[in-house]
Amino acid sequence: MRWFWLLLALVLAGCSATVPSSPTSVRSPTAAGEVAAPAKAPGGEQSVVHISGEAPSCDVRLKGTGFVYAPQRVVTAAHVVAGVIPVAPVVTTADGEVYEGRVVAFDPDADAAVLYVPKLPAPPLRITRMSTFPLRIPGVSLGDARMLSYPKGAKHVVTQQVKIEERIEGESQDIYEKHDVSRMMFAVSGPMSTGVSGAPLIVEDGTVGGMMVAMAKDDSDRGYALAAEEILPVANEATNATRHVSTRKCRRDR
């Protein structure tokens, strides 16, 4: 499936310079350490945040989207925060409130990261692995979803209707292109632009089925989302994390 990944030329983070690339769910924290309830906001917009941060080693300001999946915890794409200095991540809610974030999980293989944002009041969304899909039928999508994001220049959450075209397990490389990884992804059709990396895909039952991480090189209406089962291990591990972790280095070549 390596041919699939050759299409991924531009990750969907916005910045001042060009930068990279039975269901399982997350529930609210309990005494047993389980995590997060569905968001109270009907459309989920209150749970989606704008993320920005300084990456001085590349002299860029990274921007992207994230969403709350547990109290005071935001998940986003790892490349959105790659190389940011510890005090740099700024999280802005749909109401315009600004909070300081701290990266507490960073996985460049999965392309997922978690921020701890003290006092963040936004309600959580539930991440749920989507049911097994039938065999791919040419010309027929797997279903509809809503992509909630902060595309380049947007000051408010933008909701876009998209279609999940296919589910693909493909080989690619980690965000630093150091070694091969295999990830479960969704091919998504709909308008794409910089700044939507980390955007949740809200499926029919109101849960998050995937998170946007990339778009096709030659088609601005085609993007790729990390499937829930790739996000969950990183998210679950960081549900109670508060200690800052390294965000390694930024990307100079994208």
C-alpha atoms as a PDB file:
ATOM      1  CA  MET A   1       0.000   0.000   0.000  1.00  0.00           C
ATOM      2  CA  ARG A   2       3.019   2.341  -0.176  1.00  0.00           C
ATOM      3  CA  TRP A   3       1.573   3.929  -3.309  1.00  0.00           C
ATOM      4  CA  PHE A   4      -1.198   5.315  -1.132  1.00  0.00           C
ATOM      5  CA  TRP A   5       1.203   7.278   0.997  1.00  0.00           C
ATOM      6  CA  LEU A   6       2.961   8.809  -1.963  1.00  0.00           C
ATOM      7  CA  LEU A   7      -0.169  10.938  -2.360  1.00  0.00           C
ATOM      8  CA  LEU A   8       0.328  12.544   1.035  1.00  0.00           C
ATOM      9  CA  ALA A   9       2.326  15.624   0.171  1.00  0.00           C
ATOM     10  CA  LEU A  10       0.953  18.211   2.566  1.00  0.00           C
ATOM     11  CA  VAL A  11      -0.060  17.801   6.205  1.00  0.00           C
ATOM     12  CA  LEU A  12      -2.872  20.062   7.196  1.00  0.00           C
ATOM     13  CA  ALA A  13      -1.137  22.265   9.759  1.00  0.00           C
ATOM     14  CA  GLY A  14      -1.007  25.971   9.047  1.00  0.00           C
ATOM     15  CA  CYS A  15       2.105  28.013   9.854  1.00  0.00           C
ATOM     16  CA  SER A  16       4.116  31.023   8.837  1.00  0.00           C
ATOM     17  CA  ALA A  17       6.335  28.730   6.782  1.00  0.00           C
ATOM     18  CA  THR A  18       5.508  25.445   5.073  1.00  0.00           C
ATOM     19  CA  VAL A  19       5.694  22.552   7.578  1.00  0.00           C
ATOM     20  CA  PRO A  20       4.974  18.788   7.657  1.00  0.00           C
ATOM     21  CA  SER A  21       3.504  15.930   7.564  1.00  0.00           C
ATOM     22  CA  SER A  22     -18.100  -4.149  21.056  1.00  0.00           C
ATOM     23  CA  PRO A  23     -16.575  -0.564  20.158  1.00  0.00           C
ATOM     24  CA  THR A  24     -13.544   0.929  21.951  1.00  0.00           C
ATOM     25  CA  SER A  25     -14.042   4.420  23.306  1.00  0.00           C
ATOM     26  CA  VAL A  26     -12.834   7.072  25.722  1.00  0.00           C
ATOM     27  CA  ARG A  27     -15.143   7.903  28.662  1.00  0.00           C
ATOM     28  CA  SER A  28     -15.003  10.442  31.571  1.00  0.00           C
ATOM     29  CA  PRO A  29     -12.472   9.820  34.376  1.00  0.00           C
ATOM     30  CA  THR A  30     -13.683   7.596  37.196  1.00  0.00           C
ATOM     31  CA  ALA A  31     -12.023   6.121  40.251  1.00  0.00           C
ATOM     32  CA  ALA A  32     -10.948   3.225  38.053  1.00  0.00           C
ATOM     33  CA  GLY A  33      -9.138   5.594  35.708  1.00  0.00           C
ATOM     34  CA  GLU A  34     -11.581   5.300  32.848  1.00  0.00           C
ATOM     35  CA  VAL A  35     -12.020   8.292  30.660  1.00  0.00           C
ATOM     36  CA  ALA A  36     -14.769  10.621  29.154  1.00  0.00           C
ATOM     37  CA  ALA A  37     -18.457  11.257  28.392  1.00  0.00           C
ATOM     38  CA  PRO A  38     -19.873  12.607  25.139  1.00  0.00           C
ATOM     39  CA  ALA A  39     -19.892  16.357  24.703  1.00  0.00           C
ATOM     40  CA  LYS A  40     -22.958  18.184  25.982  1.00  0.00           C
ATOM     41  CA  ALA A  41     -22.968  20.566  23.029  1.00  0.00           C
ATOM     42  CA  PRO A  42     -25.241  19.003  20.364  1.00  0.00           C
ATOM     43  CA  GLY A  43     -22.907  19.744  17.475  1.00  0.00           C
ATOM     44  CA  GLY A  44     -19.613  19.318  19.320  1.00  0.00           C
ATOM     45  CA  GLU A  45     -18.341  22.793  18.382  1.00  0.00           C
ATOM     46  CA  GLN A  46     -17.677  23.733  22.013  1.00  0.00           C
ATOM     47  CA  SER A  47     -15.287  20.797  22.254  1.00  0.00           C
ATOM     48  CA  VAL A  48     -13.109  21.846  19.296  1.00  0.00           C
ATOM     49  CA  VAL A  49     -10.198  24.224  19.892  1.00  0.00           C
ATOM     50  CA  HIS A  50      -7.612  26.158  17.915  1.00  0.00           C
ATOM     51  CA  ILE A  51      -3.964  25.346  18.724  1.00  0.00           C
ATOM     52  CA  SER A  52      -0.918  27.476  17.990  1.00  0.00           C
ATOM     53  CA  GLY A  53       2.675  27.292  19.130  1.00  0.00           C
ATOM     54  CA  GLU A  54       6.170  28.594  18.487  1.00  0.00           C
ATOM     55  CA  ALA A  55       8.783  26.263  16.995  1.00  0.00           C
ATOM     56  CA  PRO A  56      11.895  28.481  17.131  1.00  0.00           C
ATOM     57  CA  SER A  57      14.299  25.886  15.755  1.00  0.00           C
ATOM     58  CA  CYS A  58      12.425  26.134  12.437  1.00  0.00           C
ATOM     59  CA  ASP A  59      11.422  29.765  12.928  1.00  0.00           C
ATOM     60  CA  VAL A  60       7.741  28.980  12.422  1.00  0.00           C
ATOM     61  CA  ARG A  61       4.473  29.365  14.270  1.00  0.00           C
ATOM     62  CA  LEU A  62       2.471  26.166  13.955  1.00  0.00           C
ATOM     63  CA  LYS A  63      -1.329  26.250  13.869  1.00  0.00           C
ATOM     64  CA  GLY A  64      -3.935  23.527  13.824  1.00  0.00           C
ATOM     65  CA  THR A  65      -7.070  22.112  15.383  1.00  0.00           C
ATOM     66  CA  GLY A  66      -7.643  19.867  18.370  1.00  0.00           C
ATOM     67  CA  PHE A  67     -10.564  18.511  20.348  1.00  0.00           C
ATOM     68  CA  VAL A  68     -11.302  17.759  23.981  1.00  0.00           C
ATOM     69  CA  TYR A  69     -11.657  14.034  24.678  1.00  0.00           C
ATOM     70  CA  ALA A  70     -11.405  14.063  28.493  1.00  0.00           C
ATOM     71  CA  PRO A  71     -11.581  16.857  31.086  1.00  0.00           C
ATOM     72  CA  GLN A  72      -8.746  19.333  30.436  1.00  0.00           C
ATOM     73  CA  ARG A  73      -7.181  17.049  27.806  1.00  0.00           C
ATOM     74  CA  VAL A  74      -6.968  17.895  24.089  1.00  0.00           C
ATOM     75  CA  VAL A  75      -5.845  15.525  21.344  1.00  0.00           C
ATOM     76  CA  THR A  76      -4.346  16.763  18.080  1.00  0.00           C
ATOM     77  CA  ALA A  77      -1.947  15.650  15.354  1.00  0.00           C
ATOM     78  CA  ALA A  78       1.669  15.327  16.540  1.00  0.00           C
ATOM     79  CA  HIS A  79       2.969  17.453  13.666  1.00  0.00           C
ATOM     80  CA  VAL A  80       0.828  20.376  14.903  1.00  0.00           C
ATOM     81  CA  VAL A  81       2.996  20.628  18.035  1.00  0.00           C
ATOM     82  CA  ALA A  82       6.282  19.142  16.794  1.00  0.00           C
ATOM     83  CA  GLY A  83       9.181  21.220  18.084  1.00  0.00           C
ATOM     84  CA  VAL A  84       7.105  23.730  20.062  1.00  0.00           C
ATOM     85  CA  ILE A  85       8.728  25.123  23.179  1.00  0.00           C
ATOM     86  CA  PRO A  86       7.152  23.997  26.496  1.00  0.00           C
ATOM     87  CA  VAL A  87       5.341  27.264  27.242  1.00  0.00           C
ATOM     88  CA  ALA A  88       4.294  27.888  23.636  1.00  0.00           C
ATOM     89  CA  PRO A  89       1.069  25.914  23.004  1.00  0.00           C
ATOM     90  CA  VAL A  90      -1.890  28.286  23.105  1.00  0.00           C
ATOM     91  CA  VAL A  91      -5.374  26.783  23.121  1.00  0.00           C
ATOM     92  CA  THR A  92      -8.317  28.967  22.091  1.00  0.00           C
ATOM     93  CA  THR A  93     -11.886  27.772  22.584  1.00  0.00           C
ATOM     94  CA  ALA A  94     -14.929  28.380  20.405  1.00  0.00           C
ATOM     95  CA  ASP A  95     -15.903  31.172  22.824  1.00  0.00           C
ATOM     96  CA  GLY A  96     -12.593  32.938  22.258  1.00  0.00           C
ATOM     97  CA  GLU A  97     -11.162  32.077  25.671  1.00  0.00           C
ATOM     98  CA  VAL A  98      -7.405  31.490  25.676  1.00  0.00           C
ATOM     99  CA  TYR A  99      -5.547  28.895  27.761  1.00  0.00           C
ATOM    100  CA  GLU A 100      -1.956  27.743  28.064  1.00  0.00           C
ATOM    101  CA  GLY A 101      -1.445  24.113  27.112  1.00  0.00           C
ATOM    102  CA  ARG A 102       1.241  21.587  27.922  1.00  0.00           C
ATOM    103  CA  VAL A 103       2.110  18.627  25.672  1.00  0.00           C
ATOM    104  CA  VAL A 104       1.898  15.468  27.802  1.00  0.00           C
ATOM    105  CA  ALA A 105       1.934  12.825  25.043  1.00  0.00           C
ATOM    106  CA  PHE A 106       3.712  12.905  21.691  1.00  0.00           C
ATOM    107  CA  ASP A 107       3.731   9.980  19.255  1.00  0.00           C
ATOM    108  CA  PRO A 108       5.393  10.742  15.897  1.00  0.00           C
ATOM    109  CA  ASP A 109       4.605   7.235  14.597  1.00  0.00           C
ATOM    110  CA  ALA A 110       0.847   7.516  15.052  1.00  0.00           C
ATOM    111  CA  ASP A 111       0.942  11.301  14.451  1.00  0.00           C
ATOM    112  CA  ALA A 112      -1.034  11.964  17.621  1.00  0.00           C
ATOM    113  CA  ALA A 113      -0.360  14.167  20.646  1.00  0.00           C
ATOM    114  CA  VAL A 114      -2.195  15.175  23.818  1.00  0.00           C
ATOM    115  CA  LEU A 115      -2.186  18.539  25.593  1.00  0.00           C
ATOM    116  CA  TYR A 116      -3.042  19.073  29.249  1.00  0.00           C
ATOM    117  CA  VAL A 117      -4.921  22.379  29.520  1.00  0.00           C
ATOM    118  CA  PRO A 118      -5.609  23.319  33.159  1.00  0.00           C
ATOM    119  CA  LYS A 119      -9.023  24.882  33.843  1.00  0.00           C
ATOM    120  CA  LEU A 120     -10.257  24.244  30.295  1.00  0.00           C
ATOM    121  CA  PRO A 121     -14.063  23.997  30.694  1.00  0.00           C
ATOM    122  CA  ALA A 122     -14.924  22.549  27.266  1.00  0.00           C
ATOM    123  CA  PRO A 123     -16.935  19.293  27.375  1.00  0.00           C
ATOM    124  CA  PRO A 124     -15.354  16.083  26.028  1.00  0.00           C
ATOM    125  CA  LEU A 125     -16.179  14.243  22.846  1.00  0.00           C
ATOM    126  CA  ARG A 126     -16.074  10.449  22.839  1.00  0.00           C
ATOM    127  CA  ILE A 127     -13.626   8.680  20.539  1.00  0.00           C
ATOM    128  CA  THR A 128     -15.097   5.435  19.232  1.00  0.00           C
ATOM    129  CA  ARG A 129     -13.742   2.882  16.834  1.00  0.00           C
ATOM    130  CA  MET A 130     -16.093   2.671  13.860  1.00  0.00           C
ATOM    131  CA  SER A 131     -17.777  -0.616  13.051  1.00  0.00           C
ATOM    132  CA  THR A 132     -16.200  -2.951  10.523  1.00  0.00           C
ATOM    133  CA  PHE A 133     -17.044  -1.808   7.022  1.00  0.00           C
ATOM    134  CA  PRO A 134     -18.251  -4.022   4.178  1.00  0.00           C
ATOM    135  CA  LEU A 135     -16.179  -4.590   1.089  1.00  0.00           C
ATOM    136  CA  ARG A 136     -15.445  -1.442  -0.877  1.00  0.00           C
ATOM    137  CA  ILE A 137     -18.016  -0.746  -3.589  1.00  0.00           C
ATOM    138  CA  PRO A 138     -16.661   1.572  -6.315  1.00  0.00           C
ATOM    139  CA  GLY A 139     -18.472   4.904  -6.345  1.00  0.00           C
ATOM    140  CA  VAL A 140     -20.146   4.337  -2.950  1.00  0.00           C
ATOM    141  CA  SER A 141     -18.842   6.108   0.185  1.00  0.00           C
ATOM    142  CA  LEU A 142     -18.692   4.420   3.583  1.00  0.00           C
ATOM    143  CA  GLY A 143     -20.700   7.171   5.207  1.00  0.00           C
ATOM    144  CA  ASP A 144     -21.005  10.874   5.989  1.00  0.00           C
ATOM    145  CA  ALA A 145     -19.251  12.822   8.722  1.00  0.00           C
ATOM    146  CA  ARG A 146     -18.878  16.377   9.969  1.00  0.00           C
ATOM    147  CA  MET A 147     -15.368  17.819  10.075  1.00  0.00           C
ATOM    148  CA  LEU A 148     -15.028  20.520  12.749  1.00  0.00           C
ATOM    149  CA  SER A 149     -11.924  22.648  12.319  1.00  0.00           C
ATOM    150  CA  TYR A 150     -10.163  25.995  12.249  1.00  0.00           C
ATOM    151  CA  PRO A 151      -9.000  26.242   8.626  1.00  0.00           C
ATOM    152  CA  LYS A 152      -6.457  28.923   7.766  1.00  0.00           C
ATOM    153  CA  GLY A 153      -7.701  32.366   8.722  1.00  0.00           C
ATOM    154  CA  ALA A 154     -10.837  31.172  10.533  1.00  0.00           C
ATOM    155  CA  LYS A 155     -11.618  32.789  13.888  1.00  0.00           C
ATOM    156  CA  HIS A 156     -14.449  30.399  14.664  1.00  0.00           C
ATOM    157  CA  VAL A 157     -15.079  26.691  14.314  1.00  0.00           C
ATOM    158  CA  VAL A 158     -16.053  25.761  10.766  1.00  0.00           C
ATOM    159  CA  THR A 159     -18.305  22.733  10.218  1.00  0.00           C
ATOM    160  CA  GLN A 160     -18.005  20.959   6.873  1.00  0.00           C
ATOM    161  CA  GLN A 161     -19.866  17.935   5.595  1.00  0.00           C
ATOM    162  CA  VAL A 162     -17.474  15.314   4.240  1.00  0.00           C
ATOM    163  CA  LYS A 163     -17.697  11.743   3.027  1.00  0.00           C
ATOM    164  CA  ILE A 164     -15.617   8.843   4.287  1.00  0.00           C
ATOM    165  CA  GLU A 165     -14.701   7.167   1.023  1.00  0.00           C
ATOM    166  CA  GLU A 166     -12.640   4.193   2.176  1.00  0.00           C
ATOM    167  CA  ARG A 167     -10.748   2.636   5.042  1.00  0.00           C
ATOM    168  CA  ILE A 168      -7.123   1.819   4.261  1.00  0.00           C
ATOM    169  CA  GLU A 169      -4.317   0.225   6.215  1.00  0.00           C
ATOM    170  CA  GLY A 170      -1.280   1.715   4.539  1.00  0.00           C
ATOM    171  CA  GLU A 171       2.453   1.854   4.999  1.00  0.00           C
ATOM    172  CA  SER A 172       4.051   5.230   5.446  1.00  0.00           C
ATOM    173  CA  GLN A 173       6.795   6.777   7.537  1.00  0.00           C
ATOM    174  CA  ASP A 174       6.739   8.528  10.884  1.00  0.00           C
ATOM    175  CA  ILE A 175       6.395  12.317  10.751  1.00  0.00           C
ATOM    176  CA  TYR A 176      10.188  12.673  10.594  1.00  0.00           C
ATOM    177  CA  GLU A 177      10.510  10.136   7.755  1.00  0.00           C
ATOM    178  CA  LYS A 178      12.965   8.048   9.789  1.00  0.00           C
ATOM    179  CA  HIS A 179      11.289   4.640   9.653  1.00  0.00           C
ATOM    180  CA  ASP A 180       8.257   2.805   8.276  1.00  0.00           C
ATOM    181  CA  VAL A 181       4.978   2.598  10.162  1.00  0.00           C
ATOM    182  CA  SER A 182       1.631   1.005   9.379  1.00  0.00           C
ATOM    183  CA  ARG A 183      -1.531   2.915  10.242  1.00  0.00           C
ATOM    184  CA  MET A 184      -5.261   2.584   9.730  1.00  0.00           C
ATOM    185  CA  MET A 185      -6.598   5.614   7.868  1.00  0.00           C
ATOM    186  CA  PHE A 186      -9.750   6.940   6.242  1.00  0.00           C
ATOM    187  CA  ALA A 187      -9.763   8.586   2.828  1.00  0.00           C
ATOM    188  CA  VAL A 188     -12.078  11.597   3.121  1.00  0.00           C
ATOM    189  CA  SER A 189     -13.602  13.753   0.396  1.00  0.00           C
ATOM    190  CA  GLY A 190     -14.527  17.383   0.965  1.00  0.00           C
ATOM    191  CA  PRO A 191     -12.872  20.841   0.927  1.00  0.00           C
ATOM    192  CA  MET A 192      -9.459  20.714   2.617  1.00  0.00           C
ATOM    193  CA  SER A 193      -7.091  23.494   3.643  1.00  0.00           C
ATOM    194  CA  THR A 194      -4.209  24.227   5.965  1.00  0.00           C
ATOM    195  CA  GLY A 195      -5.103  24.425   9.638  1.00  0.00           C
ATOM    196  CA  VAL A 196      -7.446  21.430   9.819  1.00  0.00           C
ATOM    197  CA  SER A 197      -4.892  18.914  11.082  1.00  0.00           C
ATOM    198  CA  GLY A 198      -6.258  17.547  14.341  1.00  0.00           C
ATOM    199  CA  ALA A 199      -9.874  18.163  13.319  1.00  0.00           C
ATOM    200  CA  PRO A 200     -12.319  15.495  14.540  1.00  0.00           C
ATOM    201  CA  LEU A 201     -14.597  13.612  12.192  1.00  0.00           C
ATOM    202  CA  ILE A 202     -17.979  13.442  13.921  1.00  0.00           C
ATOM    203  CA  VAL A 203     -19.907  10.439  12.671  1.00  0.00           C
ATOM    204  CA  GLU A 204     -23.627   9.679  12.753  1.00  0.00           C
ATOM    205  CA  ASP A 205     -23.817   8.673  16.428  1.00  0.00           C
ATOM    206  CA  GLY A 206     -22.095  11.883  17.546  1.00  0.00           C
ATOM    207  CA  THR A 207     -18.758  10.293  18.408  1.00  0.00           C
ATOM    208  CA  VAL A 208     -15.311  10.903  16.890  1.00  0.00           C
ATOM    209  CA  GLY A 209     -14.438   8.248  14.334  1.00  0.00           C
ATOM    210  CA  GLY A 210     -11.180   9.786  13.106  1.00  0.00           C
ATOM    211  CA  MET A 211      -8.851  12.799  13.135  1.00  0.00           C
ATOM    212  CA  MET A 212      -7.579  14.668  10.071  1.00  0.00           C
ATOM    213  CA  VAL A 213      -3.819  14.519   9.482  1.00  0.00           C
ATOM    214  CA  ALA A 214      -3.046  14.982   5.767  1.00  0.00           C
ATOM    215  CA  MET A 215      -4.341  15.826   2.313  1.00  0.00           C
ATOM    216  CA  ALA A 216      -3.626  14.553  -1.160  1.00  0.00           C
ATOM    217  CA  LYS A 217      -0.861  16.137  -3.214  1.00  0.00           C
ATOM    218  CA  ASP A 218      -2.944  16.664  -6.318  1.00  0.00           C
ATOM    219  CA  ASP A 219      -6.503  17.022  -4.992  1.00  0.00           C
ATOM    220  CA  SER A 220      -7.580  19.779  -2.581  1.00  0.00           C
ATOM    221  CA  ASP A 221     -10.879  17.969  -2.024  1.00  0.00           C
ATOM    222  CA  ARG A 222      -9.305  14.785  -0.679  1.00  0.00           C
ATOM    223  CA  GLY A 223      -7.797  14.296   2.769  1.00  0.00           C
ATOM    224  CA  TYR A 224      -6.786  11.530   5.129  1.00  0.00           C
ATOM    225  CA  ALA A 225      -7.803  10.908   8.714  1.00  0.00           C
ATOM    226  CA  LEU A 226      -6.248   8.770  11.401  1.00  0.00           C
ATOM    227  CA  ALA A 227      -8.745   6.098  12.477  1.00  0.00           C
ATOM    228  CA  ALA A 228      -9.967   6.054  16.087  1.00  0.00           C
ATOM    229  CA  GLU A 229      -8.065   2.871  16.924  1.00  0.00           C
ATOM    230  CA  GLU A 230      -4.800   4.690  16.156  1.00  0.00           C
ATOM    231  CA  ILE A 231      -5.732   7.670  18.373  1.00  0.00           C
ATOM    232  CA  LEU A 232      -7.070   5.740  21.359  1.00  0.00           C
ATOM    233  CA  PRO A 233      -3.806   4.227  22.704  1.00  0.00           C
ATOM    234  CA  VAL A 234      -2.171   7.665  22.843  1.00  0.00           C
ATOM    235  CA  ALA A 235      -5.280   9.347  24.267  1.00  0.00           C
ATOM    236  CA  ASN A 236      -5.984   6.718  26.911  1.00  0.00           C
ATOM    237  CA  GLU A 237      -2.386   6.705  28.120  1.00  0.00           C
ATOM    238  CA  ALA A 238      -2.444  10.474  28.665  1.00  0.00           C
ATOM    239  CA  THR A 239      -5.854  10.897  30.292  1.00  0.00           C
ATOM    240  CA  ASN A 240      -4.335  11.686  33.689  1.00  0.00           C
ATOM    241  CA  ALA A 241      -0.937  12.940  32.499  1.00  0.00           C
ATOM    242  CA  THR A 242       0.250  16.370  33.638  1.00  0.00           C
ATOM    243  CA  ARG A 243       4.016  16.265  33.047  1.00  0.00           C
ATOM    244  CA  HIS A 244       5.430  17.897  29.936  1.00  0.00           C
ATOM    245  CA  VAL A 245       7.091  15.606  27.399  1.00  0.00           C
ATOM    246  CA  SER A 246       9.483  16.440  24.605  1.00  0.00           C
ATOM    247  CA  THR A 247       7.952  17.473  21.291  1.00  0.00           C
ATOM    248  CA  ARG A 248      11.278  16.633  19.638  1.00  0.00           C
ATOM    249  CA  LYS A 249      12.010  18.706  16.574  1.00  0.00           C
ATOM    250  CA  CYS A 250       9.928  20.577  14.027  1.00  0.00           C
ATOM    251  CA  ARG A 251       9.786  19.909  10.291  1.00  0.00           C
ATOM    252  CA  ARG A 252      11.792  22.160   7.996  1.00  0.00           C
ATOM    253  CA  ASP A 253      10.932  20.495   4.720  1.00  0.00           C
ATOM    254  CA  ARG A 254       7.117  20.875   4.705  1.00  0.00           C
END
